Every structure is written in structure tokens, then in C-alpha cells.
Amino acid sequence: EVRRAKALFKQGTALYKRGSYAPALDRFERALALDRRPSTILNVA
């Protein structure tokens, strides 16, 4: 789960940098469901 969450987090970060906020939100929320980390919560915000 941690590996999958990290992969989703990385995808979300790349999407966010491109300005694709809705897909980034999806990735961060999916990562958060797998592994609850403050950094992921911050990116969801």
C-alpha cells in the first residue's frame, strides 16, 4: 500500500505541476486512502 500510495503521490505531483488539478486531486485522494500522510493531506488541500 505504501508503494502504491507513493506512486500515486508522484503522479499527483506531476499532474499538479502541469496545472491538471482535478486529476492531481484524484491521485492524492487515492494515495491518502492507502497511506495517511500529512504531506498528502496538504496536497489535497
PDB file of all heavy atoms in Angstrom:
ATOM      1  N   GLU A   1       0.829  -1.207   0.000  1.00  0.00           N
ATOM      2  CA  GLU A   1       0.000   0.000   0.000  1.00  0.00           C
ATOM      3  C   GLU A   1       0.862   1.256   0.000  1.00  0.00           C
ATOM      4  O   GLU A   1       0.549   2.232  -0.672  1.00  0.00           O
ATOM      5  CB  GLU A   1      -0.927  -0.001   1.211  1.00  0.00           C
ATOM      6  CG  GLU A   1      -1.996  -1.068   1.144  1.00  0.00           C
ATOM      7  CD  GLU A   1      -2.733  -1.232   2.456  1.00  0.00           C
ATOM      8  OE1 GLU A   1      -2.053  -1.229   3.516  1.00  0.00           O
ATOM      9  OE2 GLU A   1      -3.956  -1.376   2.420  1.00  0.00           O
ATOM     10  N   VAL A   2       1.942   1.218   0.763  1.00  0.00           N
ATOM     11  CA  VAL A   2       2.847   2.370   0.817  1.00  0.00           C
ATOM     12  C   VAL A   2       3.463   2.618  -0.556  1.00  0.00           C
ATOM     13  O   VAL A   2       3.511   3.760  -1.026  1.00  0.00           O
ATOM     14  CB  VAL A   2       3.937   2.182   1.895  1.00  0.00           C
ATOM     15  CG1 VAL A   2       5.000   3.266   1.794  1.00  0.00           C
ATOM     16  CG2 VAL A   2       3.316   2.173   3.280  1.00  0.00           C
ATOM     17  N   ARG A   3       3.904   1.560  -1.223  1.00  0.00           N
ATOM     18  CA  ARG A   3       4.481   1.716  -2.576  1.00  0.00           C
ATOM     19  C   ARG A   3       3.449   2.305  -3.536  1.00  0.00           C
ATOM     20  O   ARG A   3       3.756   3.210  -4.315  1.00  0.00           O
ATOM     21  CB  ARG A   3       4.982   0.373  -3.102  1.00  0.00           C
ATOM     22  CG  ARG A   3       6.364  -0.001  -2.631  1.00  0.00           C
ATOM     23  CD  ARG A   3       6.958  -1.170  -3.413  1.00  0.00           C
ATOM     24  NE  ARG A   3       6.152  -2.384  -3.320  1.00  0.00           N
ATOM     25  CZ  ARG A   3       6.196  -3.251  -2.307  1.00  0.00           C
ATOM     26  NH1 ARG A   3       7.010  -3.030  -1.288  1.00  0.00           N
ATOM     27  NH2 ARG A   3       5.440  -4.327  -2.312  1.00  0.00           N
ATOM     28  N   ARG A   4       2.228   1.798  -3.480  1.00  0.00           N
ATOM     29  CA  ARG A   4       1.171   2.294  -4.369  1.00  0.00           C
ATOM     30  C   ARG A   4       0.842   3.757  -4.038  1.00  0.00           C
ATOM     31  O   ARG A   4       0.677   4.575  -4.936  1.00  0.00           O
ATOM     32  CB  ARG A   4      -0.075   1.412  -4.245  1.00  0.00           C
ATOM     33  CG  ARG A   4      -1.183   1.808  -5.161  1.00  0.00           C
ATOM     34  CD  ARG A   4      -0.842   1.502  -6.621  1.00  0.00           C
ATOM     35  NE  ARG A   4      -1.910   1.996  -7.464  1.00  0.00           N
ATOM     36  CZ  ARG A   4      -1.743   2.694  -8.568  1.00  0.00           C
ATOM     37  NH1 ARG A   4      -0.538   2.934  -9.020  1.00  0.00           N
ATOM     38  NH2 ARG A   4      -2.765   3.130  -9.260  1.00  0.00           N
ATOM     39  N   ALA A   5       0.784   4.069  -2.750  1.00  0.00           N
ATOM     40  CA  ALA A   5       0.499   5.445  -2.339  1.00  0.00           C
ATOM     41  C   ALA A   5       1.598   6.396  -2.821  1.00  0.00           C
ATOM     42  O   ALA A   5       1.309   7.492  -3.304  1.00  0.00           O
ATOM     43  CB  ALA A   5       0.356   5.520  -0.821  1.00  0.00           C
ATOM     44  N   LYS A   6       2.851   5.960  -2.719  1.00  0.00           N
ATOM     45  CA  LYS A   6       3.959   6.802  -3.190  1.00  0.00           C
ATOM     46  C   LYS A   6       3.887   7.019  -4.695  1.00  0.00           C
ATOM     47  O   LYS A   6       4.154   8.117  -5.187  1.00  0.00           O
ATOM     48  CB  LYS A   6       5.306   6.186  -2.803  1.00  0.00           C
ATOM     49  CG  LYS A   6       5.626   6.327  -1.340  1.00  0.00           C
ATOM     50  CD  LYS A   6       6.968   5.712  -1.006  1.00  0.00           C
ATOM     51  CE  LYS A   6       7.297   5.877   0.455  1.00  0.00           C
ATOM     52  NZ  LYS A   6       8.588   5.295   0.821  1.00  0.00           N
ATOM     53  N   ALA A   7       3.516   5.969  -5.432  1.00  0.00           N
ATOM     54  CA  ALA A   7       3.386   6.103  -6.891  1.00  0.00           C
ATOM     55  C   ALA A   7       2.255   7.070  -7.231  1.00  0.00           C
ATOM     56  O   ALA A   7       2.403   7.928  -8.121  1.00  0.00           O
ATOM     57  CB  ALA A   7       3.139   4.741  -7.528  1.00  0.00           C
ATOM     58  N   LEU A   8       1.135   6.959  -6.532  1.00  0.00           N
ATOM     59  CA  LEU A   8       0.016   7.871  -6.765  1.00  0.00           C
ATOM     60  C   LEU A   8       0.391   9.301  -6.391  1.00  0.00           C
ATOM     61  O   LEU A   8       0.033  10.260  -7.089  1.00  0.00           O
ATOM     62  CB  LEU A   8      -1.213   7.421  -5.970  1.00  0.00           C
ATOM     63  CG  LEU A   8      -1.906   6.173  -6.495  1.00  0.00           C
ATOM     64  CD1 LEU A   8      -2.832   5.584  -5.441  1.00  0.00           C
ATOM     65  CD2 LEU A   8      -2.674   6.487  -7.778  1.00  0.00           C
ATOM     66  N   PHE A   9       1.136   9.458  -5.303  1.00  0.00           N
ATOM     67  CA  PHE A   9       1.591  10.777  -4.874  1.00  0.00           C
ATOM     68  C   PHE A   9       2.475  11.406  -5.948  1.00  0.00           C
ATOM     69  O   PHE A   9       2.320  12.578  -6.295  1.00  0.00           O
ATOM     70  CB  PHE A   9       2.353  10.652  -3.556  1.00  0.00           C
ATOM     71  CG  PHE A   9       2.725  11.971  -2.938  1.00  0.00           C
ATOM     72  CD1 PHE A   9       1.915  12.558  -1.989  1.00  0.00           C
ATOM     73  CD2 PHE A   9       3.892  12.615  -3.294  1.00  0.00           C
ATOM     74  CE1 PHE A   9       2.254  13.771  -1.410  1.00  0.00           C
ATOM     75  CE2 PHE A   9       4.245  13.829  -2.729  1.00  0.00           C
ATOM     76  CZ  PHE A   9       3.425  14.405  -1.781  1.00  0.00           C
ATOM     77  N   LYS A  10       3.381  10.607  -6.487  1.00  0.00           N
ATOM     78  CA  LYS A  10       4.283  11.094  -7.536  1.00  0.00           C
ATOM     79  C   LYS A  10       3.486  11.505  -8.780  1.00  0.00           C
ATOM     80  O   LYS A  10       3.746  12.552  -9.377  1.00  0.00           O
ATOM     81  CB  LYS A  10       5.299  10.007  -7.882  1.00  0.00           C
ATOM     82  CG  LYS A  10       6.362  10.441  -8.839  1.00  0.00           C
ATOM     83  CD  LYS A  10       7.390   9.334  -9.035  1.00  0.00           C
ATOM     84  CE  LYS A  10       8.458   9.765 -10.024  1.00  0.00           C
ATOM     85  NZ  LYS A  10       9.458   8.710 -10.227  1.00  0.00           N
ATOM     86  N   GLN A  11       2.503  10.697  -9.162  1.00  0.00           N
ATOM     87  CA  GLN A  11       1.646  11.040 -10.305  1.00  0.00           C
ATOM     88  C   GLN A  11       0.899  12.342 -10.029  1.00  0.00           C
ATOM     89  O   GLN A  11       0.796  13.218 -10.896  1.00  0.00           O
ATOM     90  CB  GLN A  11       0.641   9.926 -10.579  1.00  0.00           C
ATOM     91  CG  GLN A  11       1.237   8.647 -11.101  1.00  0.00           C
ATOM     92  CD  GLN A  11       0.220   7.512 -11.115  1.00  0.00           C
ATOM     93  OE1 GLN A  11      -0.983   7.725 -10.968  1.00  0.00           O
ATOM     94  NE2 GLN A  11       0.714   6.293 -11.291  1.00  0.00           N
ATOM     95  N   GLY A  12       0.359  12.456  -8.816  1.00  0.00           N
ATOM     96  CA  GLY A  12      -0.373  13.668  -8.449  1.00  0.00           C
ATOM     97  C   GLY A  12       0.496  14.900  -8.511  1.00  0.00           C
ATOM     98  O   GLY A  12       0.073  15.953  -8.986  1.00  0.00           O
ATOM     99  N   THR A  13       1.727  14.779  -8.041  1.00  0.00           N
ATOM    100  CA  THR A  13       2.659  15.910  -8.078  1.00  0.00           C
ATOM    101  C   THR A  13       2.944  16.342  -9.509  1.00  0.00           C
ATOM    102  O   THR A  13       2.938  17.539  -9.830  1.00  0.00           O
ATOM    103  CB  THR A  13       3.963  15.547  -7.348  1.00  0.00           C
ATOM    104  OG1 THR A  13       3.647  15.204  -5.988  1.00  0.00           O
ATOM    105  CG2 THR A  13       4.953  16.687  -7.366  1.00  0.00           C
ATOM    106  N   ALA A  14       3.151  15.383 -10.394  1.00  0.00           N
ATOM    107  CA  ALA A  14       3.410  15.706 -11.808  1.00  0.00           C
ATOM    108  C   ALA A  14       2.191  16.383 -12.426  1.00  0.00           C
ATOM    109  O   ALA A  14       2.326  17.364 -13.168  1.00  0.00           O
ATOM    110  CB  ALA A  14       3.777  14.443 -12.585  1.00  0.00           C
ATOM    111  N   LEU A  15       1.014  15.880 -12.137  1.00  0.00           N
ATOM    112  CA  LEU A  15      -0.213  16.481 -12.672  1.00  0.00           C
ATOM    113  C   LEU A  15      -0.409  17.894 -12.129  1.00  0.00           C
ATOM    114  O   LEU A  15      -0.786  18.803 -12.866  1.00  0.00           O
ATOM    115  CB  LEU A  15      -1.424  15.602 -12.343  1.00  0.00           C
ATOM    116  CG  LEU A  15      -1.501  14.293 -13.113  1.00  0.00           C
ATOM    117  CD1 LEU A  15      -2.449  13.310 -12.431  1.00  0.00           C
ATOM    118  CD2 LEU A  15      -1.942  14.561 -14.553  1.00  0.00           C
ATOM    119  N   TYR A  16      -0.161  18.082 -10.853  1.00  0.00           N
ATOM    120  CA  TYR A  16      -0.300  19.401 -10.243  1.00  0.00           C
ATOM    121  C   TYR A  16       0.636  20.404 -10.910  1.00  0.00           C
ATOM    122  O   TYR A  16       0.238  21.526 -11.220  1.00  0.00           O
ATOM    123  CB  TYR A  16      -0.018  19.328  -8.735  1.00  0.00           C
ATOM    124  CG  TYR A  16      -0.324  20.614  -8.019  1.00  0.00           C
ATOM    125  CD1 TYR A  16      -1.544  20.814  -7.400  1.00  0.00           C
ATOM    126  CD2 TYR A  16       0.615  21.648  -7.974  1.00  0.00           C
ATOM    127  CE1 TYR A  16      -1.832  22.002  -6.746  1.00  0.00           C
ATOM    128  CE2 TYR A  16       0.337  22.835  -7.333  1.00  0.00           C
ATOM    129  CZ  TYR A  16      -0.887  23.013  -6.716  1.00  0.00           C
ATOM    130  OH  TYR A  16      -1.167  24.201  -6.088  1.00  0.00           O
ATOM    131  N   LYS A  17       1.879  19.994 -11.127  1.00  0.00           N
ATOM    132  CA  LYS A  17       2.856  20.897 -11.763  1.00  0.00           C
ATOM    133  C   LYS A  17       2.395  21.333 -13.146  1.00  0.00           C
ATOM    134  O   LYS A  17       2.726  22.425 -13.590  1.00  0.00           O
ATOM    135  CB  LYS A  17       4.225  20.226 -11.860  1.00  0.00           C
ATOM    136  CG  LYS A  17       4.935  20.118 -10.535  1.00  0.00           C
ATOM    137  CD  LYS A  17       6.388  19.730 -10.668  1.00  0.00           C
ATOM    138  CE  LYS A  17       6.588  18.389 -11.277  1.00  0.00           C
ATOM    139  NZ  LYS A  17       7.992  17.938 -11.254  1.00  0.00           N
ATOM    140  N   ARG A  18       1.635  20.475 -13.834  1.00  0.00           N
ATOM    141  CA  ARG A  18       1.120  20.811 -15.171  1.00  0.00           C
ATOM    142  C   ARG A  18      -0.178  21.609 -15.104  1.00  0.00           C
ATOM    143  O   ARG A  18      -0.727  21.969 -16.140  1.00  0.00           O
ATOM    144  CB  ARG A  18       0.889  19.534 -15.973  1.00  0.00           C
ATOM    145  CG  ARG A  18       2.169  18.848 -16.389  1.00  0.00           C
ATOM    146  CD  ARG A  18       1.945  17.820 -17.484  1.00  0.00           C
ATOM    147  NE  ARG A  18       0.991  16.786 -17.130  1.00  0.00           N
ATOM    148  CZ  ARG A  18       1.298  15.553 -16.751  1.00  0.00           C
ATOM    149  NH1 ARG A  18       2.567  15.192 -16.643  1.00  0.00           N
ATOM    150  NH2 ARG A  18       0.363  14.684 -16.473  1.00  0.00           N
ATOM    151  N   GLY A  19      -0.682  21.842 -13.912  1.00  0.00           N
ATOM    152  CA  GLY A  19      -1.934  22.580 -13.766  1.00  0.00           C
ATOM    153  C   GLY A  19      -3.166  21.718 -13.922  1.00  0.00           C
ATOM    154  O   GLY A  19      -4.274  22.233 -14.031  1.00  0.00           O
ATOM    155  N   SER A  20      -2.999  20.407 -13.897  1.00  0.00           N
ATOM    156  CA  SER A  20      -4.122  19.469 -14.009  1.00  0.00           C
ATOM    157  C   SER A  20      -4.600  19.132 -12.596  1.00  0.00           C
ATOM    158  O   SER A  20      -4.326  18.049 -12.067  1.00  0.00           O
ATOM    159  CB  SER A  20      -3.687  18.207 -14.750  1.00  0.00           C
ATOM    160  OG  SER A  20      -3.266  18.518 -16.058  1.00  0.00           O
ATOM    161  N   TYR A  21      -5.311  20.081 -11.990  1.00  0.00           N
ATOM    162  CA  TYR A  21      -5.631  19.971 -10.577  1.00  0.00           C
ATOM    163  C   TYR A  21      -6.659  18.886 -10.260  1.00  0.00           C
ATOM    164  O   TYR A  21      -6.527  18.213  -9.232  1.00  0.00           O
ATOM    165  CB  TYR A  21      -6.094  21.325 -10.034  1.00  0.00           C
ATOM    166  CG  TYR A  21      -5.064  22.404 -10.268  1.00  0.00           C
ATOM    167  CD1 TYR A  21      -5.361  23.530 -11.019  1.00  0.00           C
ATOM    168  CD2 TYR A  21      -3.769  22.278  -9.757  1.00  0.00           C
ATOM    169  CE1 TYR A  21      -4.407  24.511 -11.241  1.00  0.00           C
ATOM    170  CE2 TYR A  21      -2.814  23.253  -9.978  1.00  0.00           C
ATOM    171  CZ  TYR A  21      -3.148  24.370 -10.727  1.00  0.00           C
ATOM    172  OH  TYR A  21      -2.198  25.326 -10.956  1.00  0.00           O
ATOM    173  N   ALA A  22      -7.659  18.703 -11.082  1.00  0.00           N
ATOM    174  CA  ALA A  22      -8.663  17.661 -10.804  1.00  0.00           C
ATOM    175  C   ALA A  22      -8.047  16.257 -10.861  1.00  0.00           C
ATOM    176  O   ALA A  22      -8.252  15.460  -9.932  1.00  0.00           O
ATOM    177  CB  ALA A  22      -9.852  17.789 -11.748  1.00  0.00           C
ATOM    178  N   PRO A  23      -7.289  15.917 -11.910  1.00  0.00           N
ATOM    179  CA  PRO A  23      -6.639  14.602 -11.893  1.00  0.00           C
ATOM    180  C   PRO A  23      -5.610  14.460 -10.760  1.00  0.00           C
ATOM    181  O   PRO A  23      -5.471  13.379 -10.183  1.00  0.00           O
ATOM    182  CB  PRO A  23      -5.955  14.503 -13.260  1.00  0.00           C
ATOM    183  CG  PRO A  23      -6.652  15.487 -14.120  1.00  0.00           C
ATOM    184  CD  PRO A  23      -7.103  16.583 -13.202  1.00  0.00           C
ATOM    185  N   ALA A  24      -4.930  15.552 -10.432  1.00  0.00           N
ATOM    186  CA  ALA A  24      -3.975  15.505  -9.326  1.00  0.00           C
ATOM    187  C   ALA A  24      -4.711  15.216  -8.021  1.00  0.00           C
ATOM    188  O   ALA A  24      -4.264  14.384  -7.218  1.00  0.00           O
ATOM    189  CB  ALA A  24      -3.210  16.822  -9.222  1.00  0.00           C
ATOM    190  N   LEU A  25      -5.841  15.872  -7.827  1.00  0.00           N
ATOM    191  CA  LEU A  25      -6.647  15.634  -6.629  1.00  0.00           C
ATOM    192  C   LEU A  25      -7.050  14.168  -6.528  1.00  0.00           C
ATOM    193  O   LEU A  25      -6.953  13.561  -5.453  1.00  0.00           O
ATOM    194  CB  LEU A  25      -7.886  16.534  -6.641  1.00  0.00           C
ATOM    195  CG  LEU A  25      -8.877  16.337  -5.493  1.00  0.00           C
ATOM    196  CD1 LEU A  25      -8.222  16.605  -4.145  1.00  0.00           C
ATOM    197  CD2 LEU A  25     -10.091  17.236  -5.714  1.00  0.00           C
ATOM    198  N   ASP A  26      -7.466  13.594  -7.639  1.00  0.00           N
ATOM    199  CA  ASP A  26      -7.831  12.178  -7.650  1.00  0.00           C
ATOM    200  C   ASP A  26      -6.674  11.316  -7.176  1.00  0.00           C
ATOM    201  O   ASP A  26      -6.846  10.429  -6.333  1.00  0.00           O
ATOM    202  CB  ASP A  26      -8.259  11.763  -9.059  1.00  0.00           C
ATOM    203  CG  ASP A  26      -8.465  10.268  -9.164  1.00  0.00           C
ATOM    204  OD1 ASP A  26      -9.446   9.755  -8.572  1.00  0.00           O
ATOM    205  OD2 ASP A  26      -7.642   9.596  -9.827  1.00  0.00           O
ATOM    206  N   ARG A  27      -5.472  11.560  -7.681  1.00  0.00           N
ATOM    207  CA  ARG A  27      -4.303  10.758  -7.300  1.00  0.00           C
ATOM    208  C   ARG A  27      -3.964  10.944  -5.817  1.00  0.00           C
ATOM    209  O   ARG A  27      -3.689   9.983  -5.113  1.00  0.00           O
ATOM    210  CB  ARG A  27      -3.073  11.107  -8.133  1.00  0.00           C
ATOM    211  CG  ARG A  27      -3.143  10.863  -9.621  1.00  0.00           C
ATOM    212  CD  ARG A  27      -3.829   9.589 -10.047  1.00  0.00           C
ATOM    213  NE  ARG A  27      -3.744   9.361 -11.471  1.00  0.00           N
ATOM    214  CZ  ARG A  27      -4.447   9.997 -12.403  1.00  0.00           C
ATOM    215  NH1 ARG A  27      -5.297  10.937 -12.084  1.00  0.00           N
ATOM    216  NH2 ARG A  27      -4.307   9.688 -13.681  1.00  0.00           N
ATOM    217  N   PHE A  28      -4.000  12.196  -5.361  1.00  0.00           N
ATOM    218  CA  PHE A  28      -3.677  12.449  -3.959  1.00  0.00           C
ATOM    219  C   PHE A  28      -4.713  11.819  -3.025  1.00  0.00           C
ATOM    220  O   PHE A  28      -4.350  11.254  -1.985  1.00  0.00           O
ATOM    221  CB  PHE A  28      -3.563  13.954  -3.681  1.00  0.00           C
ATOM    222  CG  PHE A  28      -2.365  14.607  -4.300  1.00  0.00           C
ATOM    223  CD1 PHE A  28      -2.490  15.807  -4.985  1.00  0.00           C
ATOM    224  CD2 PHE A  28      -1.099  14.041  -4.205  1.00  0.00           C
ATOM    225  CE1 PHE A  28      -1.394  16.432  -5.558  1.00  0.00           C
ATOM    226  CE2 PHE A  28       0.015  14.658  -4.770  1.00  0.00           C
ATOM    227  CZ  PHE A  28      -0.139  15.854  -5.447  1.00  0.00           C
ATOM    228  N   GLU A  29      -5.994  11.889  -3.391  1.00  0.00           N
ATOM    229  CA  GLU A  29      -7.026  11.271  -2.556  1.00  0.00           C
ATOM    230  C   GLU A  29      -6.877   9.751  -2.526  1.00  0.00           C
ATOM    231  O   GLU A  29      -7.068   9.134  -1.473  1.00  0.00           O
ATOM    232  CB  GLU A  29      -8.419  11.676  -3.032  1.00  0.00           C
ATOM    233  CG  GLU A  29      -8.750  13.117  -2.682  1.00  0.00           C
ATOM    234  CD  GLU A  29     -10.105  13.564  -3.177  1.00  0.00           C
ATOM    235  OE1 GLU A  29     -10.613  12.998  -4.175  1.00  0.00           O
ATOM    236  OE2 GLU A  29     -10.675  14.485  -2.558  1.00  0.00           O
ATOM    237  N   ARG A  30      -6.533   9.165  -3.651  1.00  0.00           N
ATOM    238  CA  ARG A  30      -6.312   7.717  -3.685  1.00  0.00           C
ATOM    239  C   ARG A  30      -5.094   7.332  -2.850  1.00  0.00           C
ATOM    240  O   ARG A  30      -5.105   6.315  -2.141  1.00  0.00           O
ATOM    241  CB  ARG A  30      -6.190   7.243  -5.130  1.00  0.00           C
ATOM    242  CG  ARG A  30      -7.546   7.310  -5.849  1.00  0.00           C
ATOM    243  CD  ARG A  30      -7.495   7.110  -7.339  1.00  0.00           C
ATOM    244  NE  ARG A  30      -6.710   5.977  -7.776  1.00  0.00           N
ATOM    245  CZ  ARG A  30      -6.205   5.857  -8.991  1.00  0.00           C
ATOM    246  NH1 ARG A  30      -6.402   6.797  -9.900  1.00  0.00           N
ATOM    247  NH2 ARG A  30      -5.514   4.793  -9.327  1.00  0.00           N
ATOM    248  N   ALA A  31      -4.043   8.146  -2.921  1.00  0.00           N
ATOM    249  CA  ALA A  31      -2.851   7.897  -2.098  1.00  0.00           C
ATOM    250  C   ALA A  31      -3.203   8.008  -0.615  1.00  0.00           C
ATOM    251  O   ALA A  31      -2.771   7.185   0.196  1.00  0.00           O
ATOM    252  CB  ALA A  31      -1.743   8.878  -2.459  1.00  0.00           C
ATOM    253  N   LEU A  32      -3.994   9.000  -0.278  1.00  0.00           N
ATOM    254  CA  LEU A  32      -4.387   9.216   1.108  1.00  0.00           C
ATOM    255  C   LEU A  32      -5.207   8.054   1.653  1.00  0.00           C
ATOM    256  O   LEU A  32      -5.067   7.669   2.815  1.00  0.00           O
ATOM    257  CB  LEU A  32      -5.177  10.523   1.210  1.00  0.00           C
ATOM    258  CG  LEU A  32      -5.467  11.064   2.598  1.00  0.00           C
ATOM    259  CD1 LEU A  32      -4.181  11.314   3.361  1.00  0.00           C
ATOM    260  CD2 LEU A  32      -6.277  12.346   2.483  1.00  0.00           C
ATOM    261  N   ALA A  33      -6.034   7.463   0.801  1.00  0.00           N
ATOM    262  CA  ALA A  33      -6.837   6.316   1.225  1.00  0.00           C
ATOM    263  C   ALA A  33      -5.954   5.109   1.552  1.00  0.00           C
ATOM    264  O   ALA A  33      -6.315   4.278   2.383  1.00  0.00           O
ATOM    265  CB  ALA A  33      -7.846   5.957   0.143  1.00  0.00           C
ATOM    266  N   LEU A  34      -4.801   5.034   0.915  1.00  0.00           N
ATOM    267  CA  LEU A  34      -3.879   3.913   1.150  1.00  0.00           C
ATOM    268  C   LEU A  34      -2.928   4.157   2.315  1.00  0.00           C
ATOM    269  O   LEU A  34      -2.580   3.231   3.048  1.00  0.00           O
ATOM    270  CB  LEU A  34      -3.049   3.643  -0.113  1.00  0.00           C
ATOM    271  CG  LEU A  34      -3.819   3.132  -1.315  1.00  0.00           C
ATOM    272  CD1 LEU A  34      -2.926   3.155  -2.556  1.00  0.00           C
ATOM    273  CD2 LEU A  34      -4.349   1.734  -1.047  1.00  0.00           C
ATOM    274  N   ASP A  35      -2.472   5.388   2.454  1.00  0.00           N
ATOM    275  CA  ASP A  35      -1.455   5.714   3.452  1.00  0.00           C
ATOM    276  C   ASP A  35      -1.632   7.170   3.865  1.00  0.00           C
ATOM    277  O   ASP A  35      -1.342   8.075   3.080  1.00  0.00           O
ATOM    278  CB  ASP A  35      -0.062   5.473   2.868  1.00  0.00           C
ATOM    279  CG  ASP A  35       1.048   5.577   3.891  1.00  0.00           C
ATOM    280  OD1 ASP A  35       0.779   5.410   5.095  1.00  0.00           O
ATOM    281  OD2 ASP A  35       2.196   5.803   3.476  1.00  0.00           O
ATOM    282  N   ARG A  36      -2.108   7.377   5.069  1.00  0.00           N
ATOM    283  CA  ARG A  36      -2.448   8.729   5.549  1.00  0.00           C
ATOM    284  C   ARG A  36      -1.178   9.458   5.986  1.00  0.00           C
ATOM    285  O   ARG A  36      -0.597   9.138   7.019  1.00  0.00           O
ATOM    286  CB  ARG A  36      -3.423   8.605   6.710  1.00  0.00           C
ATOM    287  CG  ARG A  36      -3.965   9.914   7.205  1.00  0.00           C
ATOM    288  CD  ARG A  36      -4.961   9.624   8.314  1.00  0.00           C
ATOM    289  NE  ARG A  36      -5.493  10.830   8.865  1.00  0.00           N
ATOM    290  CZ  ARG A  36      -6.619  11.392   8.453  1.00  0.00           C
ATOM    291  NH1 ARG A  36      -7.319  10.828   7.500  1.00  0.00           N
ATOM    292  NH2 ARG A  36      -7.054  12.497   9.004  1.00  0.00           N
ATOM    293  N   ARG A  37      -0.783  10.427   5.184  1.00  0.00           N
ATOM    294  CA  ARG A  37       0.396  11.242   5.486  1.00  0.00           C
ATOM    295  C   ARG A  37       0.020  12.718   5.450  1.00  0.00           C
ATOM    296  O   ARG A  37      -0.751  13.145   4.588  1.00  0.00           O
ATOM    297  CB  ARG A  37       1.491  11.001   4.457  1.00  0.00           C
ATOM    298  CG  ARG A  37       2.084   9.610   4.501  1.00  0.00           C
ATOM    299  CD  ARG A  37       3.122   9.447   3.407  1.00  0.00           C
ATOM    300  NE  ARG A  37       3.602   8.094   3.365  1.00  0.00           N
ATOM    301  CZ  ARG A  37       4.774   7.703   3.879  1.00  0.00           C
ATOM    302  NH1 ARG A  37       5.564   8.576   4.437  1.00  0.00           N
ATOM    303  NH2 ARG A  37       5.142   6.447   3.806  1.00  0.00           N
ATOM    304  N   PRO A  38       0.609  13.511   6.352  1.00  0.00           N
ATOM    305  CA  PRO A  38       0.333  14.949   6.326  1.00  0.00           C
ATOM    306  C   PRO A  38       0.626  15.589   4.965  1.00  0.00           C
ATOM    307  O   PRO A  38      -0.134  16.447   4.500  1.00  0.00           O
ATOM    308  CB  PRO A  38       1.249  15.517   7.424  1.00  0.00           C
ATOM    309  CG  PRO A  38       1.422  14.376   8.372  1.00  0.00           C
ATOM    310  CD  PRO A  38       1.452  13.148   7.492  1.00  0.00           C
ATOM    311  N   SER A  39       1.705  15.179   4.316  1.00  0.00           N
ATOM    312  CA  SER A  39       2.057  15.787   3.028  1.00  0.00           C
ATOM    313  C   SER A  39       0.975  15.549   1.981  1.00  0.00           C
ATOM    314  O   SER A  39       0.694  16.422   1.157  1.00  0.00           O
ATOM    315  CB  SER A  39       3.392  15.242   2.524  1.00  0.00           C
ATOM    316  OG  SER A  39       3.344  13.833   2.408  1.00  0.00           O
ATOM    317  N   THR A  40       0.351  14.401   2.019  1.00  0.00           N
ATOM    318  CA  THR A  40      -0.713  14.111   1.057  1.00  0.00           C
ATOM    319  C   THR A  40      -1.946  14.948   1.381  1.00  0.00           C
ATOM    320  O   THR A  40      -2.596  15.475   0.472  1.00  0.00           O
ATOM    321  CB  THR A  40      -1.043  12.604   1.052  1.00  0.00           C
ATOM    322  OG1 THR A  40       0.168  11.868   0.870  1.00  0.00           O
ATOM    323  CG2 THR A  40      -2.000  12.252  -0.069  1.00  0.00           C
ATOM    324  N   ILE A  41      -2.263  15.072   2.661  1.00  0.00           N
ATOM    325  CA  ILE A  41      -3.395  15.911   3.069  1.00  0.00           C
ATOM    326  C   ILE A  41      -3.171  17.345   2.599  1.00  0.00           C
ATOM    327  O   ILE A  41      -4.088  17.995   2.095  1.00  0.00           O
ATOM    328  CB  ILE A  41      -3.590  15.861   4.597  1.00  0.00           C
ATOM    329  CG1 ILE A  41      -3.966  14.440   5.037  1.00  0.00           C
ATOM    330  CG2 ILE A  41      -4.659  16.856   5.041  1.00  0.00           C
ATOM    331  CD1 ILE A  41      -3.899  14.210   6.538  1.00  0.00           C
ATOM    332  N   LEU A  42      -1.956  17.834   2.744  1.00  0.00           N
ATOM    333  CA  LEU A  42      -1.633  19.188   2.312  1.00  0.00           C
ATOM    334  C   LEU A  42      -1.838  19.341   0.803  1.00  0.00           C
ATOM    335  O   LEU A  42      -2.378  20.346   0.334  1.00  0.00           O
ATOM    336  CB  LEU A  42      -0.193  19.526   2.691  1.00  0.00           C
ATOM    337  CG  LEU A  42       0.309  20.917   2.331  1.00  0.00           C
ATOM    338  CD1 LEU A  42      -0.571  21.997   2.935  1.00  0.00           C
ATOM    339  CD2 LEU A  42       1.750  21.079   2.787  1.00  0.00           C
ATOM    340  N   ASN A  43      -1.448  18.346   0.049  1.00  0.00           N
ATOM    341  CA  ASN A  43      -1.620  18.430  -1.401  1.00  0.00           C
ATOM    342  C   ASN A  43      -3.087  18.333  -1.808  1.00  0.00           C
ATOM    343  O   ASN A  43      -3.501  18.960  -2.783  1.00  0.00           O
ATOM    344  CB  ASN A  43      -0.773  17.365  -2.087  1.00  0.00           C
ATOM    345  CG  ASN A  43       0.697  17.715  -2.030  1.00  0.00           C
ATOM    346  OD1 ASN A  43       1.069  18.839  -1.734  1.00  0.00           O
ATOM    347  ND2 ASN A  43       1.538  16.745  -2.287  1.00  0.00           N
ATOM    348  N   VAL A  44      -3.879  17.570  -1.070  1.00  0.00           N
ATOM    349  CA  VAL A  44      -5.327  17.546  -1.307  1.00  0.00           C
ATOM    350  C   VAL A  44      -5.889  18.954  -1.082  1.00  0.00           C
ATOM    351  O   VAL A  44      -6.679  19.454  -1.889  1.00  0.00           O
ATOM    352  CB  VAL A  44      -6.024  16.501  -0.405  1.00  0.00           C
ATOM    353  CG1 VAL A  44      -7.544  16.680  -0.422  1.00  0.00           C
ATOM    354  CG2 VAL A  44      -5.648  15.084  -0.825  1.00  0.00           C
ATOM    355  N   ALA A  45      -5.457  19.588  -0.001  1.00  0.00           N
ATOM    356  CA  ALA A  45      -5.909  20.956   0.286  1.00  0.00           C
ATOM    357  C   ALA A  45      -5.538  21.909  -0.843  1.00  0.00           C
ATOM    358  O   ALA A  45      -6.361  22.723  -1.288  1.00  0.00           O
ATOM    359  CB  ALA A  45      -5.298  21.439   1.605  1.00  0.00           C
TER     360      ALA A  45
END
